Amino acid sequence: MTHNTKQIKLFLTVFLLVMNSFIVFSQKNKGNYFAFEQNARLGRGVNIIGYDPIWNDNSKARMKDKHFKLIKEAGFNNVRLVMSPFRFSMNDSTFTINPKFFKTLDYVIKESLKNQLMVIVDFHEHNAIEKDPLGTKSKILSMWKQIAEHCKGYSDDVLFEICNEPNMKPETWNEIHKEVYAILRKSNPDRTLIIGTINGNQIKHLKDLDLPEQDRNIIVAINYYSPIQFTHQGAPWSKKNKDLSGIEWTQSKEEQDAVKLDFDMAQDWSKLHNRPLTLGEFGAYEKADIASRVRWTNYIARQAELRKWSWSYWQFDSDFILYDIDKDKWKTPILNALIDSDKK
């Protein structure tokens, strides 16, 4: 072997080692930053179709093709697809999901993606689950397995949120979300997952969340409705607040500081654990005066953005509404509170 040949072989060996190291580094590095990139792309969003008749009868759908286009044109980047699959169970033992559920799921995902809207597929069965978390675990696992298998071909623009507002003890939630996680990773190894905190996705319970440390492709969800006496005054389902009225949010220093204290607590946790945060729900019920609702909504959205969180307003239709489907027009004060015209 000539001297030149040895040099060439040595060069190639070193080159391949360097390239291999670079690839490994890139993969690990992507694991560290990809969830943050996904969160940045999620940006501003809105919850959709949770209570739309479309789930049971497509001919009675309130959400139409045009609404996805309107959402995008208004300046939103994501929709949080609120799904409740329990009622579509066809068999009590295997919990097979009725095919019409997937027909609606596919329609909404495809229309969203067609309009350049990212999709958070949100498992919104917290009311049923909280009655017996461990008793419903097998149902959750079975249904998530079916949904994950069905959706595995969708792009990175589709994310899975394991459960909205898991109202249960922290040790129970950590057990359940880890088992769901294992199922999701079998069919969707690279899918960005969203895992929230217990009892209303409250900020104060971030400390109780036990996540798989090695998996960095996870976004953590929190919801925010504070002060609850303001945001839920007059809401008929809220026992403590249904009879309240006339409570204003004036954006006083004290009120602003209360929000900042909560959000800073969440941000400190995010930095400590190197996990991105999404504000999955926030909104003020219609019984509050519109001026206060606008102030609060704008302040919450801007404070979330200041900390580089994504967010999804609750919600497009039904209550807390952003768009009046019956009158075919935006609730302009709320839309303007959410979207700064210079940032569309």
Protein backbone atom coordinates (compact mmCIF):
# COMPACT_ATOMS: atom_id res chain seq x y z
CA MET A 1 0.00 0.00 0.00
CA THR A 2 1.44 3.36 -1.00
CA HIS A 3 1.85 6.29 1.34
CA ASN A 4 -0.80 8.25 -0.58
CA THR A 5 -3.29 5.40 -0.32
CA LYS A 6 -2.79 5.22 3.46
CA GLN A 7 -3.36 8.97 3.71
CA ILE A 8 -6.55 8.74 1.67
CA LYS A 9 -7.88 5.85 3.81
CA LEU A 10 -7.02 7.74 6.99
CA PHE A 11 -8.75 10.84 5.68
CA LEU A 12 -11.88 8.88 4.76
CA THR A 13 -11.95 7.17 8.16
CA VAL A 14 -11.65 10.47 10.01
CA PHE A 15 -14.21 12.08 7.70
CA LEU A 16 -16.75 9.30 8.31
CA LEU A 17 -16.20 9.46 12.07
CA VAL A 18 -16.71 13.22 12.05
CA MET A 19 -19.85 12.95 9.91
CA ASN A 20 -21.25 10.18 12.09
CA SER A 21 -20.63 12.27 15.19
CA PHE A 22 -22.30 15.23 13.50
CA ILE A 23 -25.38 13.16 12.64
CA VAL A 24 -25.65 11.78 16.17
CA PHE A 25 -25.19 15.29 17.58
CA SER A 26 -27.82 16.67 15.22
CA GLN A 27 -30.33 14.01 16.23
CA LYS A 28 -29.76 14.64 19.91
CA ASN A 29 -29.81 18.37 19.36
CA LYS A 30 -33.08 18.13 17.44
CA GLY A 31 -34.52 16.24 20.36
CA ASN A 32 -33.67 19.14 22.61
CA TYR A 33 -35.02 21.96 20.48
CA PHE A 34 -37.71 20.45 18.23
CA ALA A 35 -40.52 20.78 20.78
CA PHE A 36 -39.62 24.45 21.25
CA GLU A 37 -39.71 24.93 17.46
CA GLN A 38 -43.08 23.22 17.30
CA ASN A 39 -44.37 25.42 20.09
CA ALA A 40 -43.19 28.56 18.31
CA ARG A 41 -44.96 27.41 15.15
CA LEU A 42 -48.17 26.72 17.08
CA GLY A 43 -48.27 30.38 18.02
CA ARG A 44 -51.83 31.62 18.33
CA GLY A 45 -54.82 29.33 18.14
CA VAL A 46 -58.41 28.58 19.05
CA ASN A 47 -60.34 25.57 20.36
CA ILE A 48 -62.86 24.13 17.90
CA ILE A 49 -65.81 21.69 17.48
CA GLY A 50 -66.00 20.42 21.06
CA TYR A 51 -69.79 20.73 21.13
CA ASP A 52 -70.50 20.80 17.40
CA PRO A 53 -73.27 18.45 16.13
CA ILE A 54 -70.83 17.48 13.38
CA TRP A 55 -69.65 14.61 15.58
CA ASN A 56 -73.06 12.92 15.41
CA ASP A 57 -74.51 14.20 12.15
CA ASN A 58 -72.38 15.80 9.47
CA SER A 59 -75.45 17.38 7.87
CA LYS A 60 -75.96 19.45 11.04
CA ALA A 61 -72.36 20.65 11.28
CA ARG A 62 -71.89 24.22 12.41
CA MET A 63 -68.19 24.26 11.50
CA LYS A 64 -67.84 24.49 7.71
CA ASP A 65 -64.94 24.54 5.26
CA LYS A 66 -64.98 28.32 5.14
CA HIS A 67 -64.39 28.67 8.87
CA PHE A 68 -60.94 27.08 8.69
CA LYS A 69 -59.99 29.63 6.04
CA LEU A 70 -61.41 32.46 8.16
CA ILE A 71 -59.43 31.31 11.19
CA LYS A 72 -56.19 31.32 9.22
CA GLU A 73 -56.89 34.66 7.56
CA ALA A 74 -57.63 36.23 10.95
CA GLY A 75 -54.07 35.50 12.05
CA PHE A 76 -54.24 32.16 13.85
CA ASN A 77 -51.70 29.35 13.48
CA ASN A 78 -53.32 26.42 15.27
CA VAL A 79 -56.62 24.83 16.18
CA ARG A 80 -57.10 22.68 19.24
CA LEU A 81 -59.41 19.92 18.07
CA VAL A 82 -61.60 19.07 21.05
CA MET A 83 -62.65 15.41 20.78
CA SER A 84 -64.72 13.23 23.12
CA PRO A 85 -64.41 9.66 21.84
CA PHE A 86 -66.00 7.83 24.78
CA ARG A 87 -69.50 8.16 23.39
CA PHE A 88 -68.38 6.50 20.15
CA SER A 89 -67.42 3.23 21.85
CA MET A 90 -69.05 0.30 20.02
CA ASN A 91 -68.10 -2.45 22.46
CA ASP A 92 -67.79 -2.33 26.25
CA SER A 93 -64.92 -4.81 26.36
CA THR A 94 -62.66 -3.61 23.53
CA PHE A 95 -63.89 0.00 23.26
CA THR A 96 -63.78 -0.08 19.47
CA ILE A 97 -64.44 3.41 18.14
CA ASN A 98 -67.29 3.93 15.68
CA PRO A 99 -65.92 4.75 12.19
CA LYS A 100 -68.01 7.93 11.97
CA PHE A 101 -65.81 9.40 14.70
CA PHE A 102 -62.77 9.01 12.47
CA LYS A 103 -64.64 10.49 9.52
CA THR A 104 -65.13 13.72 11.47
CA LEU A 105 -61.61 13.61 12.90
CA ASP A 106 -60.09 13.25 9.44
CA TYR A 107 -62.25 16.00 7.98
CA VAL A 108 -61.20 18.51 10.62
CA ILE A 109 -57.51 17.59 10.49
CA LYS A 110 -57.40 17.72 6.69
CA GLU A 111 -59.27 21.04 6.44
CA SER A 112 -56.97 22.52 9.07
CA LEU A 113 -53.80 21.35 7.33
CA LYS A 114 -55.14 22.53 3.97
CA ASN A 115 -55.37 26.00 5.49
CA GLN A 116 -51.90 25.85 7.06
CA LEU A 117 -53.27 25.42 10.57
CA MET A 118 -51.46 23.10 12.96
CA VAL A 119 -53.73 20.73 14.87
CA ILE A 120 -53.70 19.75 18.54
CA VAL A 121 -55.75 16.56 18.85
CA ASP A 122 -57.11 17.00 22.37
CA PHE A 123 -58.55 14.05 24.34
CA HIS A 124 -61.32 15.99 26.08
CA GLU A 125 -62.90 13.38 28.36
CA HIS A 126 -61.93 14.87 31.73
CA ASN A 127 -65.49 15.01 33.09
CA ALA A 128 -66.02 11.29 32.52
CA ILE A 129 -62.51 10.32 33.61
CA GLU A 130 -62.49 12.23 36.90
CA LYS A 131 -65.34 10.11 38.26
CA ASP A 132 -63.13 6.99 38.16
CA PRO A 133 -59.66 7.67 36.69
CA LEU A 134 -58.25 4.17 37.14
CA GLY A 135 -61.53 2.55 36.19
CA THR A 136 -61.51 4.35 32.84
CA LYS A 137 -57.81 3.76 32.18
CA SER A 138 -58.32 0.73 29.95
CA LYS A 139 -60.79 2.72 27.87
CA ILE A 140 -58.35 5.63 27.53
CA LEU A 141 -55.52 3.32 26.51
CA SER A 142 -57.61 1.42 23.97
CA MET A 143 -59.00 4.55 22.36
CA TRP A 144 -55.67 6.34 22.20
CA LYS A 145 -54.15 3.26 20.56
CA GLN A 146 -56.83 3.35 17.86
CA ILE A 147 -56.56 7.11 17.34
CA ALA A 148 -52.77 7.04 17.23
CA GLU A 149 -52.71 4.21 14.71
CA HIS A 150 -55.28 6.00 12.58
CA CYS A 151 -53.37 9.31 12.62
CA LYS A 152 -49.81 8.03 12.31
CA GLY A 153 -49.54 9.11 8.67
CA TYR A 154 -50.20 12.77 9.36
CA SER A 155 -47.36 15.28 9.32
CA ASP A 156 -45.55 16.89 12.27
CA ASP A 157 -48.20 19.63 12.13
CA VAL A 158 -50.53 17.30 14.05
CA LEU A 159 -49.88 16.97 17.80
CA PHE A 160 -51.50 14.71 20.40
CA GLU A 161 -52.67 16.06 23.77
CA ILE A 162 -53.03 13.07 26.09
CA CYS A 163 -55.83 14.49 28.25
CA ASN A 164 -57.36 17.88 28.92
CA GLU A 165 -57.59 18.86 32.60
CA PRO A 166 -56.90 15.46 34.21
CA ASN A 167 -58.71 15.94 37.51
CA MET A 168 -57.16 13.34 39.78
CA LYS A 169 -54.34 12.72 42.23
CA PRO A 170 -50.87 13.43 40.81
CA GLU A 171 -49.65 9.86 41.27
CA THR A 172 -52.70 8.56 39.38
CA TRP A 173 -52.19 11.00 36.51
CA ASN A 174 -48.48 10.20 36.27
CA GLU A 175 -49.34 6.52 36.03
CA ILE A 176 -51.97 7.04 33.34
CA HIS A 177 -50.12 9.50 31.12
CA LYS A 178 -47.00 7.30 31.16
CA GLU A 179 -49.00 4.31 29.94
CA VAL A 180 -50.66 6.39 27.22
CA TYR A 181 -47.25 7.78 26.29
CA ALA A 182 -45.85 4.27 25.80
CA ILE A 183 -48.72 3.38 23.48
CA LEU A 184 -48.39 6.58 21.45
CA ARG A 185 -44.65 6.19 20.98
CA LYS A 186 -45.10 2.70 19.47
CA SER A 187 -47.03 4.01 16.46
CA ASN A 188 -45.91 7.65 16.52
CA PRO A 189 -42.27 7.68 17.68
CA ASP A 190 -41.60 11.22 16.42
CA ARG A 191 -44.97 12.86 17.12
CA THR A 192 -44.90 15.93 19.36
CA LEU A 193 -46.97 15.15 22.45
CA ILE A 194 -48.69 17.52 24.87
CA ILE A 195 -49.09 16.57 28.52
CA GLY A 196 -50.96 18.78 30.97
CA THR A 197 -51.11 19.21 34.71
CA ILE A 198 -53.77 17.93 37.08
CA ASN A 199 -56.95 19.61 38.31
CA GLY A 200 -57.80 21.97 35.52
CA ASN A 201 -54.29 22.07 34.04
CA GLN A 202 -53.38 24.45 36.84
CA ILE A 203 -49.99 26.12 36.98
CA LYS A 204 -49.48 25.25 40.64
CA HIS A 205 -49.46 21.55 39.76
CA LEU A 206 -46.53 21.72 37.33
CA LYS A 207 -44.36 20.56 40.23
CA ASP A 208 -46.36 17.32 40.41
CA LEU A 209 -45.80 16.35 36.78
CA ASP A 210 -43.42 13.43 36.21
CA LEU A 211 -42.38 13.30 32.54
CA PRO A 212 -40.14 10.85 30.64
CA GLU A 213 -36.85 12.68 31.01
CA GLN A 214 -35.22 11.20 27.92
CA ASP A 215 -38.03 12.32 25.58
CA ARG A 216 -37.70 16.02 24.78
CA ASN A 217 -40.40 16.07 22.10
CA ILE A 218 -43.05 17.03 24.64
CA ILE A 219 -44.88 20.31 25.23
CA VAL A 220 -46.52 20.90 28.61
CA ALA A 221 -50.06 22.31 28.78
CA ILE A 222 -51.56 24.70 31.28
CA ASN A 223 -55.00 26.35 31.25
CA TYR A 224 -55.79 29.72 32.80
CA TYR A 225 -59.10 31.15 34.03
CA SER A 226 -58.00 33.31 36.93
CA PRO A 227 -59.60 35.06 38.68
CA ILE A 228 -62.30 32.43 38.33
CA GLN A 229 -64.92 34.70 39.93
CA PHE A 230 -64.46 37.03 36.97
CA THR A 231 -64.02 34.58 34.08
CA HIS A 232 -66.84 32.24 35.17
CA GLN A 233 -69.37 34.67 36.64
CA GLY A 234 -72.86 33.65 35.57
CA ALA A 235 -71.69 30.35 34.05
CA PRO A 236 -74.54 27.91 34.81
CA TRP A 237 -72.23 24.88 35.21
CA SER A 238 -70.02 26.61 37.79
CA LYS A 239 -71.63 26.06 41.20
CA LYS A 240 -69.54 28.66 43.00
CA ASN A 241 -69.84 31.34 40.32
CA LYS A 242 -73.19 30.87 38.56
CA ASP A 243 -74.93 33.48 40.71
CA LEU A 244 -72.15 36.07 40.47
CA SER A 245 -72.43 39.14 38.26
CA GLY A 246 -70.99 42.60 37.76
CA ILE A 247 -67.39 41.61 38.52
CA GLU A 248 -64.98 43.70 36.45
CA TRP A 249 -61.35 43.24 35.49
CA THR A 250 -59.89 46.71 35.29
CA GLN A 251 -56.26 45.78 34.59
CA SER A 252 -55.16 47.39 37.83
CA LYS A 253 -51.58 46.90 38.96
CA GLU A 254 -52.77 44.40 41.54
CA GLU A 255 -54.65 42.39 38.90
CA GLN A 256 -51.71 42.47 36.50
CA ASP A 257 -49.29 41.42 39.22
CA ALA A 258 -51.48 38.42 40.09
CA VAL A 259 -51.26 37.17 36.50
CA LYS A 260 -47.53 37.83 36.31
CA LEU A 261 -46.95 35.93 39.54
CA ASP A 262 -48.76 32.88 38.16
CA PHE A 263 -47.09 33.06 34.76
CA ASP A 264 -43.64 33.63 36.22
CA MET A 265 -44.09 30.53 38.36
CA ALA A 266 -44.84 28.54 35.21
CA GLN A 267 -41.96 30.12 33.33
CA ASP A 268 -39.52 29.29 36.13
CA TRP A 269 -40.63 25.66 35.93
CA SER A 270 -40.28 25.70 32.14
CA LYS A 271 -36.71 26.99 32.32
CA LEU A 272 -35.73 24.62 35.12
CA HIS A 273 -36.98 21.56 33.24
CA ASN A 274 -36.26 22.81 29.71
CA ARG A 275 -39.85 22.17 28.59
CA PRO A 276 -41.95 24.48 26.37
CA LEU A 277 -45.39 25.54 27.57
CA THR A 278 -48.68 25.95 25.75
CA LEU A 279 -51.67 27.80 27.18
CA GLY A 280 -54.31 25.35 26.03
CA GLU A 281 -57.34 27.28 27.22
CA PHE A 282 -58.20 30.76 28.45
CA GLY A 283 -61.27 32.94 28.13
CA ALA A 284 -63.93 34.90 30.00
CA TYR A 285 -67.59 33.87 29.88
CA GLU A 286 -70.11 36.14 28.15
CA LYS A 287 -71.82 37.28 31.36
CA ALA A 288 -68.85 39.53 32.18
CA ASP A 289 -68.90 43.02 30.67
CA ILE A 290 -67.25 43.20 27.26
CA ALA A 291 -64.73 45.89 28.22
CA SER A 292 -63.37 43.75 31.05
CA ARG A 293 -63.33 40.66 28.84
CA VAL A 294 -61.32 42.49 26.20
CA ARG A 295 -58.81 43.81 28.74
CA TRP A 296 -58.34 40.42 30.38
CA THR A 297 -58.14 38.47 27.11
CA ASN A 298 -55.59 40.83 25.60
CA TYR A 299 -53.48 40.87 28.74
CA ILE A 300 -53.38 37.08 29.07
CA ALA A 301 -52.48 36.58 25.40
CA ARG A 302 -49.71 39.18 25.48
CA GLN A 303 -48.25 37.84 28.74
CA ALA A 304 -48.17 34.33 27.27
CA GLU A 305 -46.44 35.59 24.13
CA LEU A 306 -43.96 37.57 26.19
CA ARG A 307 -42.81 34.23 27.62
CA LYS A 308 -42.82 32.55 24.19
CA TRP A 309 -45.74 30.26 25.00
CA SER A 310 -48.18 29.16 22.34
CA TRP A 311 -51.86 29.56 23.15
CA SER A 312 -55.35 28.43 22.09
CA TYR A 313 -58.35 30.59 23.04
CA TRP A 314 -61.47 28.91 24.43
CA GLN A 315 -63.34 28.81 22.04
CA PHE A 316 -64.53 29.39 18.45
CA ASP A 317 -68.21 28.44 18.91
CA SER A 318 -70.68 27.44 21.66
CA ASP A 319 -69.77 29.64 24.67
CA PHE A 320 -66.95 32.12 25.34
CA ILE A 321 -67.35 32.46 21.58
CA LEU A 322 -64.93 34.10 19.21
CA TYR A 323 -67.09 33.71 16.12
CA ASP A 324 -70.89 34.00 15.88
CA ILE A 325 -71.72 31.23 13.43
CA ASP A 326 -75.44 32.07 13.43
CA LYS A 327 -74.74 35.67 12.39
CA ASP A 328 -71.68 34.66 10.36
CA LYS A 329 -69.35 37.23 11.88
CA TRP A 330 -66.47 37.57 14.31
CA LYS A 331 -66.90 38.82 17.85
CA THR A 332 -64.68 41.69 16.80
CA PRO A 333 -63.72 43.04 20.24
CA ILE A 334 -62.50 39.60 21.35
CA LEU A 335 -60.76 38.93 18.03
CA ASN A 336 -58.95 42.26 18.24
CA ALA A 337 -57.97 41.53 21.84
CA LEU A 338 -56.39 38.28 20.74
CA ILE A 339 -54.75 39.32 17.48
CA ASP A 340 -52.57 42.39 17.08
CA SER A 341 -53.08 43.53 13.49
CA ASP A 342 -49.37 44.14 13.00
CA LYS A 343 -48.56 40.52 13.92
CA LYS A 344 -50.87 38.62 11.57
